[in-house]
Amino acid sequence: MENLVALNKTTAGRDKIYRVVQYFSRFYGWVLSENGTSLQISRPIKSLEKHISLARKLMRVMKCIDHYLDTLHFWKDSSASDSEFDRLLRVLTSAGKSLRMASSDFQWASALRLFGNYSERIHASANKASDLFWLISLCTSLIHSYRRQHAMKHQINVLHSEYKGLQQASKLLRKRIAEQQEEKEKDTTINTSTSLSDEGLSDKTRTPIQLESSSAVTSLPDMKELEAQLLREEQQMHALKRQCYALRDQVVATILDMVREICDIPVPAFSLGLLHPSTTGMVGLSGTISSIIGLYQVWTRVVSAKTTPKMCK
């Protein structure tokens, strides 16, 4: 319940909740019309969709400035690890979102007839522009997300190969340490048994075997250096494992973004006349699925933001 309250406190959380209701109303209205339901029942559902859409536009007023600043940041940021093509895709995505939000502001203002007699004409033009820029930003974002998750998968494979190499090296090092430990114990036993018989003898009177056995312990590699090397390799293995897990989570999040954007594509495509009018039910269903995914993503961010301070304490 606390997480739900925290979600409702955020503007993004309320927007996603309204979006789920909006597109589900569109889908449910289509189901009612297909089943021959009377207008007294289906008309309030359609009215609910329109009013929620207008309310969401009010919540997004002046949001075009945020996306505009993001566009400038991506355009000027030359230190990013992305290639020039990926940077161009990010710029186009942010620019498309900014222009879409600006068109949405004109839609909201014209719906309130703030432009007088020109409101209907401006509303129609702003509606087409908003859907066009939305469709462009979705396509460029999909291409960038695909390239990003492909690069992260390749990086995971590279890190996994390094992890396997370190794992094999650590096994050999453990085996070497065990062998050296056994040799050291044997030499210690031999030196202890021969020390009594060798007392009083000088190096000249000792046999070569006795000299070799007495210096065997000092000729063995330093065990502390081997153990320190093993510890360093184990730390590197743990670091690589953490990087692989972090990249895997990023890949899952990127794929989830791609699914959400794919489900969003039919919405502007339908408004632009690229889909048949009979597909309005599919558009409502895909918009509902996309809204649920977006709500889940906002939910996870809210929950993680609440749990992170507790973990730090």
C-alpha atoms as a PDB file:
ATOM      1  CA  MET A   1       0.000   0.000   0.000  1.00  0.00           C
ATOM      2  CA  GLU A   2       2.879   2.373   0.760  1.00  0.00           C
ATOM      3  CA  ASN A   3       4.367   1.718  -2.667  1.00  0.00           C
ATOM      4  CA  LEU A   4       1.021   2.483  -4.304  1.00  0.00           C
ATOM      5  CA  VAL A   5       0.811   5.790  -2.422  1.00  0.00           C
ATOM      6  CA  ALA A   6       4.393   6.613  -3.448  1.00  0.00           C
ATOM      7  CA  LEU A   7       3.520   5.786  -7.064  1.00  0.00           C
ATOM      8  CA  ASN A   8       0.487   8.051  -6.972  1.00  0.00           C
ATOM      9  CA  LYS A   9       2.614  10.915  -5.633  1.00  0.00           C
ATOM     10  CA  THR A  10       4.698  10.969  -8.808  1.00  0.00           C
ATOM     11  CA  THR A  11       3.442  12.689 -11.948  1.00  0.00           C
ATOM     12  CA  ALA A  12       4.718   9.846 -14.122  1.00  0.00           C
ATOM     13  CA  GLY A  13       2.884   7.291 -11.981  1.00  0.00           C
ATOM     14  CA  ARG A  14      -0.450   9.102 -12.218  1.00  0.00           C
ATOM     15  CA  ASP A  15       0.037   9.601 -15.959  1.00  0.00           C
ATOM     16  CA  LYS A  16       0.621   5.866 -16.509  1.00  0.00           C
ATOM     17  CA  ILE A  17      -2.453   4.979 -14.453  1.00  0.00           C
ATOM     18  CA  TYR A  18      -4.560   7.373 -16.515  1.00  0.00           C
ATOM     19  CA  ARG A  19      -3.039   5.966 -19.699  1.00  0.00           C
ATOM     20  CA  VAL A  20      -4.045   2.420 -18.765  1.00  0.00           C
ATOM     21  CA  VAL A  21      -7.621   3.587 -18.165  1.00  0.00           C
ATOM     22  CA  GLN A  22      -7.635   5.614 -21.394  1.00  0.00           C
ATOM     23  CA  TYR A  23      -6.590   2.831 -23.762  1.00  0.00           C
ATOM     24  CA  PHE A  24      -8.538   0.163 -21.935  1.00  0.00           C
ATOM     25  CA  SER A  25     -11.605   2.379 -22.336  1.00  0.00           C
ATOM     26  CA  ARG A  26     -10.873   2.523 -26.043  1.00  0.00           C
ATOM     27  CA  PHE A  27     -10.568  -1.244 -26.259  1.00  0.00           C
ATOM     28  CA  TYR A  28     -13.623  -1.866 -24.066  1.00  0.00           C
ATOM     29  CA  GLY A  29     -15.662   0.614 -26.084  1.00  0.00           C
ATOM     30  CA  TRP A  30     -14.793  -1.296 -29.246  1.00  0.00           C
ATOM     31  CA  VAL A  31     -15.836  -4.572 -27.587  1.00  0.00           C
ATOM     32  CA  LEU A  32     -19.176  -3.047 -26.588  1.00  0.00           C
ATOM     33  CA  SER A  33     -19.807  -1.690 -30.080  1.00  0.00           C
ATOM     34  CA  GLU A  34     -18.952  -5.042 -31.665  1.00  0.00           C
ATOM     35  CA  ASN A  35     -21.420  -6.793 -29.374  1.00  0.00           C
ATOM     36  CA  GLY A  36     -24.187  -4.365 -30.290  1.00  0.00           C
ATOM     37  CA  THR A  37     -24.389  -2.675 -26.894  1.00  0.00           C
ATOM     38  CA  SER A  38     -26.657   0.338 -26.658  1.00  0.00           C
ATOM     39  CA  LEU A  39     -25.230   3.846 -26.929  1.00  0.00           C
ATOM     40  CA  GLN A  40     -26.249   4.628 -23.359  1.00  0.00           C
ATOM     41  CA  ILE A  41     -23.521   2.242 -22.177  1.00  0.00           C
ATOM     42  CA  SER A  42     -20.846   2.695 -24.837  1.00  0.00           C
ATOM     43  CA  ARG A  43     -21.059   6.505 -25.066  1.00  0.00           C
ATOM     44  CA  PRO A  44     -19.794   7.159 -21.472  1.00  0.00           C
ATOM     45  CA  ILE A  45     -16.834   4.853 -22.150  1.00  0.00           C
ATOM     46  CA  LYS A  46     -15.837   6.851 -25.226  1.00  0.00           C
ATOM     47  CA  SER A  47     -16.372  10.105 -23.322  1.00  0.00           C
ATOM     48  CA  LEU A  48     -14.094   8.823 -20.554  1.00  0.00           C
ATOM     49  CA  GLU A  49     -11.339   8.134 -23.074  1.00  0.00           C
ATOM     50  CA  LYS A  50     -11.536  11.656 -24.524  1.00  0.00           C
ATOM     51  CA  HIS A  51     -11.539  13.385 -21.135  1.00  0.00           C
ATOM     52  CA  ILE A  52      -8.586  11.351 -19.847  1.00  0.00           C
ATOM     53  CA  SER A  53      -6.677  12.101 -23.045  1.00  0.00           C
ATOM     54  CA  LEU A  54      -7.287  15.825 -22.540  1.00  0.00           C
ATOM     55  CA  ALA A  55      -6.264  15.604 -18.872  1.00  0.00           C
ATOM     56  CA  ARG A  56      -3.021  13.840 -19.780  1.00  0.00           C
ATOM     57  CA  LYS A  57      -2.226  16.573 -22.288  1.00  0.00           C
ATOM     58  CA  LEU A  58      -2.627  19.119 -19.495  1.00  0.00           C
ATOM     59  CA  MET A  59      -0.176  17.152 -17.329  1.00  0.00           C
ATOM     60  CA  ARG A  60       2.370  17.231 -20.166  1.00  0.00           C
ATOM     61  CA  VAL A  61       2.190  20.968 -20.867  1.00  0.00           C
ATOM     62  CA  MET A  62       5.691  22.469 -21.369  1.00  0.00           C
ATOM     63  CA  LYS A  63       7.284  19.016 -21.193  1.00  0.00           C
ATOM     64  CA  CYS A  64       8.666  19.721 -24.656  1.00  0.00           C
ATOM     65  CA  ILE A  65      11.318  21.877 -22.966  1.00  0.00           C
ATOM     66  CA  ASP A  66      12.729  18.836 -21.114  1.00  0.00           C
ATOM     67  CA  HIS A  67      13.076  16.851 -24.338  1.00  0.00           C
ATOM     68  CA  TYR A  68      14.525  19.898 -26.082  1.00  0.00           C
ATOM     69  CA  LEU A  69      17.250  20.155 -23.449  1.00  0.00           C
ATOM     70  CA  ASP A  70      17.911  16.429 -23.818  1.00  0.00           C
ATOM     71  CA  THR A  71      18.289  16.946 -27.568  1.00  0.00           C
ATOM     72  CA  LEU A  72      20.884  19.678 -27.014  1.00  0.00           C
ATOM     73  CA  HIS A  73      22.725  17.465 -24.528  1.00  0.00           C
ATOM     74  CA  PHE A  74      22.915  14.521 -26.925  1.00  0.00           C
ATOM     75  CA  TRP A  75      23.944  16.802 -29.765  1.00  0.00           C
ATOM     76  CA  LYS A  76      26.794  18.423 -27.827  1.00  0.00           C
ATOM     77  CA  ASP A  77      27.916  15.314 -25.962  1.00  0.00           C
ATOM     78  CA  SER A  78      30.904  14.029 -27.932  1.00  0.00           C
ATOM     79  CA  SER A  79      32.419  12.073 -25.036  1.00  0.00           C
ATOM     80  CA  ALA A  80      29.736   9.387 -25.033  1.00  0.00           C
ATOM     81  CA  SER A  81      30.705   5.806 -25.785  1.00  0.00           C
ATOM     82  CA  ASP A  82      28.040   5.526 -28.508  1.00  0.00           C
ATOM     83  CA  SER A  83      28.956   5.776 -32.156  1.00  0.00           C
ATOM     84  CA  GLU A  84      28.017   8.764 -34.285  1.00  0.00           C
ATOM     85  CA  PHE A  85      25.048   6.872 -35.718  1.00  0.00           C
ATOM     86  CA  ASP A  86      23.765   5.959 -32.254  1.00  0.00           C
ATOM     87  CA  ARG A  87      24.193   9.550 -31.116  1.00  0.00           C
ATOM     88  CA  LEU A  88      22.209  10.705 -34.159  1.00  0.00           C
ATOM     89  CA  LEU A  89      19.443   8.247 -33.283  1.00  0.00           C
ATOM     90  CA  ARG A  90      19.275   9.603 -29.729  1.00  0.00           C
ATOM     91  CA  VAL A  91      19.122  13.172 -31.054  1.00  0.00           C
ATOM     92  CA  LEU A  92      16.314  12.296 -33.469  1.00  0.00           C
ATOM     93  CA  THR A  93      14.411  10.462 -30.731  1.00  0.00           C
ATOM     94  CA  SER A  94      14.615  13.370 -28.292  1.00  0.00           C
ATOM     95  CA  ALA A  95      13.808  15.903 -31.014  1.00  0.00           C
ATOM     96  CA  GLY A  96      10.783  13.865 -32.090  1.00  0.00           C
ATOM     97  CA  LYS A  97       9.553  13.690 -28.495  1.00  0.00           C
ATOM     98  CA  SER A  98      10.038  17.426 -28.059  1.00  0.00           C
ATOM     99  CA  LEU A  99       8.087  18.268 -31.219  1.00  0.00           C
ATOM    100  CA  ARG A 100       5.396  15.786 -30.262  1.00  0.00           C
ATOM    101  CA  MET A 101       4.972  17.379 -26.822  1.00  0.00           C
ATOM    102  CA  ALA A 102       4.876  20.852 -28.411  1.00  0.00           C
ATOM    103  CA  SER A 103       2.136  19.669 -30.799  1.00  0.00           C
ATOM    104  CA  SER A 104       0.307  18.152 -27.826  1.00  0.00           C
ATOM    105  CA  ASP A 105       0.314  21.570 -26.143  1.00  0.00           C
ATOM    106  CA  PHE A 106      -1.377  23.058 -29.208  1.00  0.00           C
ATOM    107  CA  GLN A 107      -3.885  20.197 -29.157  1.00  0.00           C
ATOM    108  CA  TRP A 108      -4.785  20.944 -25.547  1.00  0.00           C
ATOM    109  CA  ALA A 109      -5.071  24.696 -26.163  1.00  0.00           C
ATOM    110  CA  SER A 110      -7.182  24.225 -29.290  1.00  0.00           C
ATOM    111  CA  ALA A 111      -9.454  21.744 -27.475  1.00  0.00           C
ATOM    112  CA  LEU A 112     -10.235  24.543 -25.019  1.00  0.00           C
ATOM    113  CA  ARG A 113     -10.833  26.851 -28.018  1.00  0.00           C
ATOM    114  CA  LEU A 114      -8.123  29.244 -26.896  1.00  0.00           C
ATOM    115  CA  PHE A 115      -7.447  30.110 -30.567  1.00  0.00           C
ATOM    116  CA  GLY A 116     -11.008  31.185 -31.279  1.00  0.00           C
ATOM    117  CA  ASN A 117     -12.270  30.381 -34.752  1.00  0.00           C
ATOM    118  CA  TYR A 118      -8.940  28.805 -35.707  1.00  0.00           C
ATOM    119  CA  SER A 119      -9.133  26.192 -32.952  1.00  0.00           C
ATOM    120  CA  GLU A 120     -10.559  23.371 -35.065  1.00  0.00           C
ATOM    121  CA  ARG A 121      -8.038  23.894 -37.864  1.00  0.00           C
ATOM    122  CA  ILE A 122      -5.117  24.115 -35.446  1.00  0.00           C
ATOM    123  CA  HIS A 123      -6.353  21.059 -33.555  1.00  0.00           C
ATOM    124  CA  ALA A 124      -6.440  18.921 -36.720  1.00  0.00           C
ATOM    125  CA  SER A 125      -2.967  20.047 -37.826  1.00  0.00           C
ATOM    126  CA  ALA A 126      -1.487  19.616 -34.329  1.00  0.00           C
ATOM    127  CA  ASN A 127      -3.030  16.151 -34.064  1.00  0.00           C
ATOM    128  CA  LYS A 128      -1.378  14.983 -37.298  1.00  0.00           C
ATOM    129  CA  ALA A 129       1.942  16.576 -36.375  1.00  0.00           C
ATOM    130  CA  SER A 130       1.899  15.013 -32.920  1.00  0.00           C
ATOM    131  CA  ASP A 131       1.228  11.527 -34.287  1.00  0.00           C
ATOM    132  CA  LEU A 132       3.856  11.928 -37.008  1.00  0.00           C
ATOM    133  CA  PHE A 133       6.592  13.026 -34.600  1.00  0.00           C
ATOM    134  CA  TRP A 134       5.551  10.280 -32.176  1.00  0.00           C
ATOM    135  CA  LEU A 135       5.868   7.626 -34.872  1.00  0.00           C
ATOM    136  CA  ILE A 136       9.291   8.943 -35.933  1.00  0.00           C
ATOM    137  CA  SER A 137      10.594   8.992 -32.360  1.00  0.00           C
ATOM    138  CA  LEU A 138       9.329   5.447 -31.777  1.00  0.00           C
ATOM    139  CA  CYS A 139      11.098   4.125 -34.885  1.00  0.00           C
ATOM    140  CA  THR A 140      14.417   5.828 -34.103  1.00  0.00           C
ATOM    141  CA  SER A 141      14.218   4.727 -30.465  1.00  0.00           C
ATOM    142  CA  LEU A 142      13.572   1.135 -31.538  1.00  0.00           C
ATOM    143  CA  ILE A 143      16.621   1.127 -33.809  1.00  0.00           C
ATOM    144  CA  HIS A 144      18.810   2.596 -31.059  1.00  0.00           C
ATOM    145  CA  SER A 145      17.482   0.156 -28.449  1.00  0.00           C
ATOM    146  CA  TYR A 146      18.149  -2.810 -30.741  1.00  0.00           C
ATOM    147  CA  ARG A 147      21.708  -1.707 -31.410  1.00  0.00           C
ATOM    148  CA  ARG A 148      22.245  -1.025 -27.707  1.00  0.00           C
ATOM    149  CA  GLN A 149      21.045  -4.413 -26.506  1.00  0.00           C
ATOM    150  CA  HIS A 150      23.070  -6.128 -29.257  1.00  0.00           C
ATOM    151  CA  ALA A 151      26.226  -4.306 -28.108  1.00  0.00           C
ATOM    152  CA  MET A 152      25.531  -5.195 -24.470  1.00  0.00           C
ATOM    153  CA  LYS A 153      25.064  -8.874 -25.354  1.00  0.00           C
ATOM    154  CA  HIS A 154      28.409  -8.833 -27.144  1.00  0.00           C
ATOM    155  CA  GLN A 155      30.015  -7.224 -24.090  1.00  0.00           C
ATOM    156  CA  ILE A 156      28.478  -9.907 -21.867  1.00  0.00           C
ATOM    157  CA  ASN A 157      30.013 -12.609 -24.065  1.00  0.00           C
ATOM    158  CA  VAL A 158      33.433 -10.935 -23.836  1.00  0.00           C
ATOM    159  CA  LEU A 159      33.199 -10.662 -20.043  1.00  0.00           C
ATOM    160  CA  HIS A 160      32.033 -14.271 -19.830  1.00  0.00           C
ATOM    161  CA  SER A 161      35.082 -15.415 -21.824  1.00  0.00           C
ATOM    162  CA  GLU A 162      37.360 -13.451 -19.480  1.00  0.00           C
ATOM    163  CA  TYR A 163      35.585 -14.997 -16.504  1.00  0.00           C
ATOM    164  CA  LYS A 164      36.121 -18.514 -17.874  1.00  0.00           C
ATOM    165  CA  GLY A 165      39.804 -17.773 -18.444  1.00  0.00           C
ATOM    166  CA  LEU A 166      40.258 -16.501 -14.896  1.00  0.00           C
ATOM    167  CA  GLN A 167      38.327 -19.479 -13.556  1.00  0.00           C
ATOM    168  CA  GLN A 168      40.639 -21.902 -15.361  1.00  0.00           C
ATOM    169  CA  ALA A 169      43.724 -19.980 -14.205  1.00  0.00           C
ATOM    170  CA  SER A 170      42.515 -20.000 -10.598  1.00  0.00           C
ATOM    171  CA  LYS A 171      41.994 -23.768 -10.742  1.00  0.00           C
ATOM    172  CA  LEU A 172      45.555 -24.273 -11.966  1.00  0.00           C
ATOM    173  CA  LEU A 173      46.839 -21.911  -9.294  1.00  0.00           C
ATOM    174  CA  ARG A 174      44.988 -23.787  -6.547  1.00  0.00           C
ATOM    175  CA  LYS A 175      46.436 -27.041  -7.839  1.00  0.00           C
ATOM    176  CA  ARG A 176      49.918 -25.533  -7.841  1.00  0.00           C
ATOM    177  CA  ILE A 177      49.490 -24.222  -4.297  1.00  0.00           C
ATOM    178  CA  ALA A 178      48.339 -27.652  -3.133  1.00  0.00           C
ATOM    179  CA  GLU A 179      51.340 -29.354  -4.784  1.00  0.00           C
ATOM    180  CA  GLN A 180      53.759 -26.860  -3.289  1.00  0.00           C
ATOM    181  CA  GLN A 181      52.161 -27.355   0.117  1.00  0.00           C
ATOM    182  CA  GLU A 182      52.619 -31.131  -0.129  1.00  0.00           C
ATOM    183  CA  GLU A 183      56.256 -30.748  -1.210  1.00  0.00           C
ATOM    184  CA  LYS A 184      56.893 -28.345   1.624  1.00  0.00           C
ATOM    185  CA  GLU A 185      55.413 -30.746   4.156  1.00  0.00           C
ATOM    186  CA  LYS A 186      57.516 -33.642   2.781  1.00  0.00           C
ATOM    187  CA  ASP A 187      60.714 -31.602   2.849  1.00  0.00           C
ATOM    188  CA  THR A 188      59.937 -30.421   6.372  1.00  0.00           C
ATOM    189  CA  THR A 189      59.521 -34.044   7.494  1.00  0.00           C
ATOM    190  CA  ILE A 190      62.788 -35.103   5.802  1.00  0.00           C
ATOM    191  CA  ASN A 191      64.741 -32.208   7.300  1.00  0.00           C
ATOM    192  CA  THR A 192      63.352 -32.928  10.750  1.00  0.00           C
ATOM    193  CA  SER A 193      64.351 -36.616  10.572  1.00  0.00           C
ATOM    194  CA  THR A 194      67.853 -35.896   9.279  1.00  0.00           C
ATOM    195  CA  SER A 195      68.623 -32.896  11.446  1.00  0.00           C
ATOM    196  CA  LEU A 196      69.568 -35.069  14.397  1.00  0.00           C
ATOM    197  CA  SER A 197      71.959 -37.230  12.387  1.00  0.00           C
ATOM    198  CA  ASP A 198      73.479 -34.249  10.627  1.00  0.00           C
ATOM    199  CA  GLU A 199      74.341 -32.322  13.773  1.00  0.00           C
ATOM    200  CA  GLY A 200      78.018 -31.522  14.004  1.00  0.00           C
ATOM    201  CA  LEU A 201      78.616 -32.115  10.277  1.00  0.00           C
ATOM    202  CA  SER A 202      79.880 -29.304   8.089  1.00  0.00           C
ATOM    203  CA  ASP A 203      78.725 -28.594   4.541  1.00  0.00           C
ATOM    204  CA  LYS A 204      81.897 -30.268   3.263  1.00  0.00           C
ATOM    205  CA  THR A 205      81.147 -33.548   5.036  1.00  0.00           C
ATOM    206  CA  ARG A 206      77.456 -33.633   4.000  1.00  0.00           C
ATOM    207  CA  THR A 207      76.342 -35.538   0.957  1.00  0.00           C
ATOM    208  CA  PRO A 208      74.796 -33.715  -2.069  1.00  0.00           C
ATOM    209  CA  ILE A 209      71.406 -35.268  -1.280  1.00  0.00           C
ATOM    210  CA  GLN A 210      71.533 -33.877   2.249  1.00  0.00           C
ATOM    211  CA  LEU A 211      72.489 -30.426   0.949  1.00  0.00           C
ATOM    212  CA  GLU A 212      69.666 -30.507  -1.609  1.00  0.00           C
ATOM    213  CA  SER A 213      67.068 -31.592   0.959  1.00  0.00           C
ATOM    214  CA  SER A 214      68.187 -28.922   3.437  1.00  0.00           C
ATOM    215  CA  SER A 215      67.803 -26.146   0.870  1.00  0.00           C
ATOM    216  CA  ALA A 216      64.592 -27.482  -0.714  1.00  0.00           C
ATOM    217  CA  VAL A 217      62.348 -25.469   1.579  1.00  0.00           C
ATOM    218  CA  THR A 218      64.064 -22.179   0.775  1.00  0.00           C
ATOM    219  CA  SER A 219      63.974 -22.902  -3.001  1.00  0.00           C
ATOM    220  CA  LEU A 220      60.187 -23.375  -3.064  1.00  0.00           C
ATOM    221  CA  PRO A 221      58.136 -20.423  -4.354  1.00  0.00           C
ATOM    222  CA  ASP A 222      56.777 -18.139  -1.730  1.00  0.00           C
ATOM    223  CA  MET A 223      53.327 -19.429  -0.739  1.00  0.00           C
ATOM    224  CA  LYS A 224      52.149 -15.979   0.258  1.00  0.00           C
ATOM    225  CA  GLU A 225      52.739 -14.640  -3.251  1.00  0.00           C
ATOM    226  CA  LEU A 226      50.750 -17.491  -4.772  1.00  0.00           C
ATOM    227  CA  GLU A 227      47.889 -16.983  -2.338  1.00  0.00           C
ATOM    228  CA  ALA A 228      47.897 -13.237  -3.017  1.00  0.00           C
ATOM    229  CA  GLN A 229      47.731 -13.911  -6.756  1.00  0.00           C
ATOM    230  CA  LEU A 230      44.835 -16.309  -6.211  1.00  0.00           C
ATOM    231  CA  LEU A 231      43.022 -13.690  -4.141  1.00  0.00           C
ATOM    232  CA  ARG A 232      43.469 -11.087  -6.896  1.00  0.00           C
ATOM    233  CA  GLU A 233      42.076 -13.455  -9.514  1.00  0.00           C
ATOM    234  CA  GLU A 234      39.064 -14.285  -7.348  1.00  0.00           C
ATOM    235  CA  GLN A 235      38.364 -10.580  -6.858  1.00  0.00           C
ATOM    236  CA  GLN A 236      38.555 -10.056 -10.620  1.00  0.00           C
ATOM    237  CA  MET A 237      36.128 -12.948 -11.117  1.00  0.00           C
ATOM    238  CA  HIS A 238      33.619 -11.424  -8.685  1.00  0.00           C
ATOM    239  CA  ALA A 239      33.925  -8.041 -10.411  1.00  0.00           C
ATOM    240  CA  LEU A 240      33.308  -9.618 -13.822  1.00  0.00           C
ATOM    241  CA  LYS A 241      30.298 -11.485 -12.470  1.00  0.00           C
ATOM    242  CA  ARG A 242      28.801  -8.271 -11.097  1.00  0.00           C
ATOM    243  CA  GLN A 243      29.343  -6.547 -14.446  1.00  0.00           C
ATOM    244  CA  CYS A 244      27.665  -9.422 -16.295  1.00  0.00           C
ATOM    245  CA  TYR A 245      24.639  -9.315 -13.970  1.00  0.00           C
ATOM    246  CA  ALA A 246      24.357  -5.532 -14.347  1.00  0.00           C
ATOM    247  CA  LEU A 247      24.554  -5.761 -18.139  1.00  0.00           C
ATOM    248  CA  ARG A 248      21.998  -8.575 -18.150  1.00  0.00           C
ATOM    249  CA  ASP A 249      19.567  -6.393 -16.195  1.00  0.00           C
ATOM    250  CA  GLN A 250      20.141  -3.574 -18.679  1.00  0.00           C
ATOM    251  CA  VAL A 251      19.477  -5.922 -21.600  1.00  0.00           C
ATOM    252  CA  VAL A 252      16.185  -7.052 -20.026  1.00  0.00           C
ATOM    253  CA  ALA A 253      15.160  -3.423 -19.407  1.00  0.00           C
ATOM    254  CA  THR A 254      16.051  -2.464 -22.992  1.00  0.00           C
ATOM    255  CA  ILE A 255      14.058  -5.372 -24.433  1.00  0.00           C
ATOM    256  CA  LEU A 256      11.106  -4.375 -22.262  1.00  0.00           C
ATOM    257  CA  ASP A 257      11.375  -0.833 -23.657  1.00  0.00           C
ATOM    258  CA  MET A 258      11.378  -2.256 -27.175  1.00  0.00           C
ATOM    259  CA  VAL A 259       8.227  -4.289 -26.495  1.00  0.00           C
ATOM    260  CA  ARG A 260       6.521  -1.203 -25.084  1.00  0.00           C
ATOM    261  CA  GLU A 261       7.476   0.897 -28.099  1.00  0.00           C
ATOM    262  CA  ILE A 262       6.345  -1.804 -30.539  1.00  0.00           C
ATOM    263  CA  CYS A 263       2.958  -1.844 -28.821  1.00  0.00           C
ATOM    264  CA  ASP A 264       2.834   1.964 -29.087  1.00  0.00           C
ATOM    265  CA  ILE A 265       3.436   2.068 -32.853  1.00  0.00           C
ATOM    266  CA  PRO A 266      -0.162   1.155 -33.881  1.00  0.00           C
ATOM    267  CA  VAL A 267      -1.557   4.167 -31.976  1.00  0.00           C
ATOM    268  CA  PRO A 268      -0.001   6.967 -34.106  1.00  0.00           C
ATOM    269  CA  ALA A 269      -0.122   4.776 -37.206  1.00  0.00           C
ATOM    270  CA  PHE A 270      -3.893   4.414 -36.816  1.00  0.00           C
ATOM    271  CA  SER A 271      -4.370   8.162 -36.305  1.00  0.00           C
ATOM    272  CA  LEU A 272      -2.324   8.889 -39.437  1.00  0.00           C
ATOM    273  CA  GLY A 273      -4.517   6.554 -41.501  1.00  0.00           C
ATOM    274  CA  LEU A 274      -1.821   3.904 -41.974  1.00  0.00           C
ATOM    275  CA  LEU A 275      -4.068   1.209 -40.477  1.00  0.00           C
ATOM    276  CA  HIS A 276      -7.565   0.170 -41.443  1.00  0.00           C
ATOM    277  CA  PRO A 277     -10.379   1.726 -39.368  1.00  0.00           C
ATOM    278  CA  SER A 278     -11.538  -1.748 -38.314  1.00  0.00           C
ATOM    279  CA  THR A 279      -8.307  -2.191 -36.286  1.00  0.00           C
ATOM    280  CA  THR A 280      -9.362   0.270 -33.591  1.00  0.00           C
ATOM    281  CA  GLY A 281      -9.833  -2.592 -31.127  1.00  0.00           C
ATOM    282  CA  MET A 282      -6.293  -3.845 -31.767  1.00  0.00           C
ATOM    283  CA  VAL A 283      -4.995  -0.307 -31.305  1.00  0.00           C
ATOM    284  CA  GLY A 284      -6.760  -0.038 -27.950  1.00  0.00           C
ATOM    285  CA  LEU A 285      -5.429  -3.421 -26.843  1.00  0.00           C
ATOM    286  CA  SER A 286      -1.829  -2.652 -27.880  1.00  0.00           C
ATOM    287  CA  GLY A 287      -2.055   0.732 -26.151  1.00  0.00           C
ATOM    288  CA  THR A 288      -3.308  -0.993 -22.997  1.00  0.00           C
ATOM    289  CA  ILE A 289      -0.405  -3.461 -23.049  1.00  0.00           C
ATOM    290  CA  SER A 290       2.076  -0.637 -23.605  1.00  0.00           C
ATOM    291  CA  SER A 291       0.528   1.348 -20.749  1.00  0.00           C
ATOM    292  CA  ILE A 292       0.757  -1.615 -18.371  1.00  0.00           C
ATOM    293  CA  ILE A 293       4.438  -2.077 -19.250  1.00  0.00           C
ATOM    294  CA  GLY A 294       5.092   1.626 -18.697  1.00  0.00           C
ATOM    295  CA  LEU A 295       3.263   1.510 -15.369  1.00  0.00           C
ATOM    296  CA  TYR A 296       5.379  -1.482 -14.313  1.00  0.00           C
ATOM    297  CA  GLN A 297       8.587   0.380 -15.212  1.00  0.00           C
ATOM    298  CA  VAL A 298       7.564   3.415 -13.169  1.00  0.00           C
ATOM    299  CA  TRP A 299       6.526   1.107 -10.314  1.00  0.00           C
ATOM    300  CA  THR A 300       9.952  -0.576 -10.217  1.00  0.00           C
ATOM    301  CA  ARG A 301      11.696   2.810 -10.157  1.00  0.00           C
ATOM    302  CA  VAL A 302       9.527   4.014  -7.286  1.00  0.00           C
ATOM    303  CA  VAL A 303      10.061   0.824  -5.277  1.00  0.00           C
ATOM    304  CA  SER A 304      13.827   0.838  -5.868  1.00  0.00           C
ATOM    305  CA  ALA A 305      14.010   4.509  -4.875  1.00  0.00           C
ATOM    306  CA  LYS A 306      12.279   3.668  -1.599  1.00  0.00           C
ATOM    307  CA  THR A 307      14.411   0.622  -0.783  1.00  0.00           C
ATOM    308  CA  THR A 308      17.790   2.142  -1.694  1.00  0.00           C
ATOM    309  CA  PRO A 309      17.998   4.544   1.305  1.00  0.00           C
ATOM    310  CA  LYS A 310      17.064   1.698   3.675  1.00  0.00           C
ATOM    311  CA  MET A 311      19.826  -0.471   2.250  1.00  0.00           C
ATOM    312  CA  CYS A 312      22.330   2.376   2.603  1.00  0.00           C
ATOM    313  CA  LYS A 313      21.454   2.762   6.272  1.00  0.00           C
END
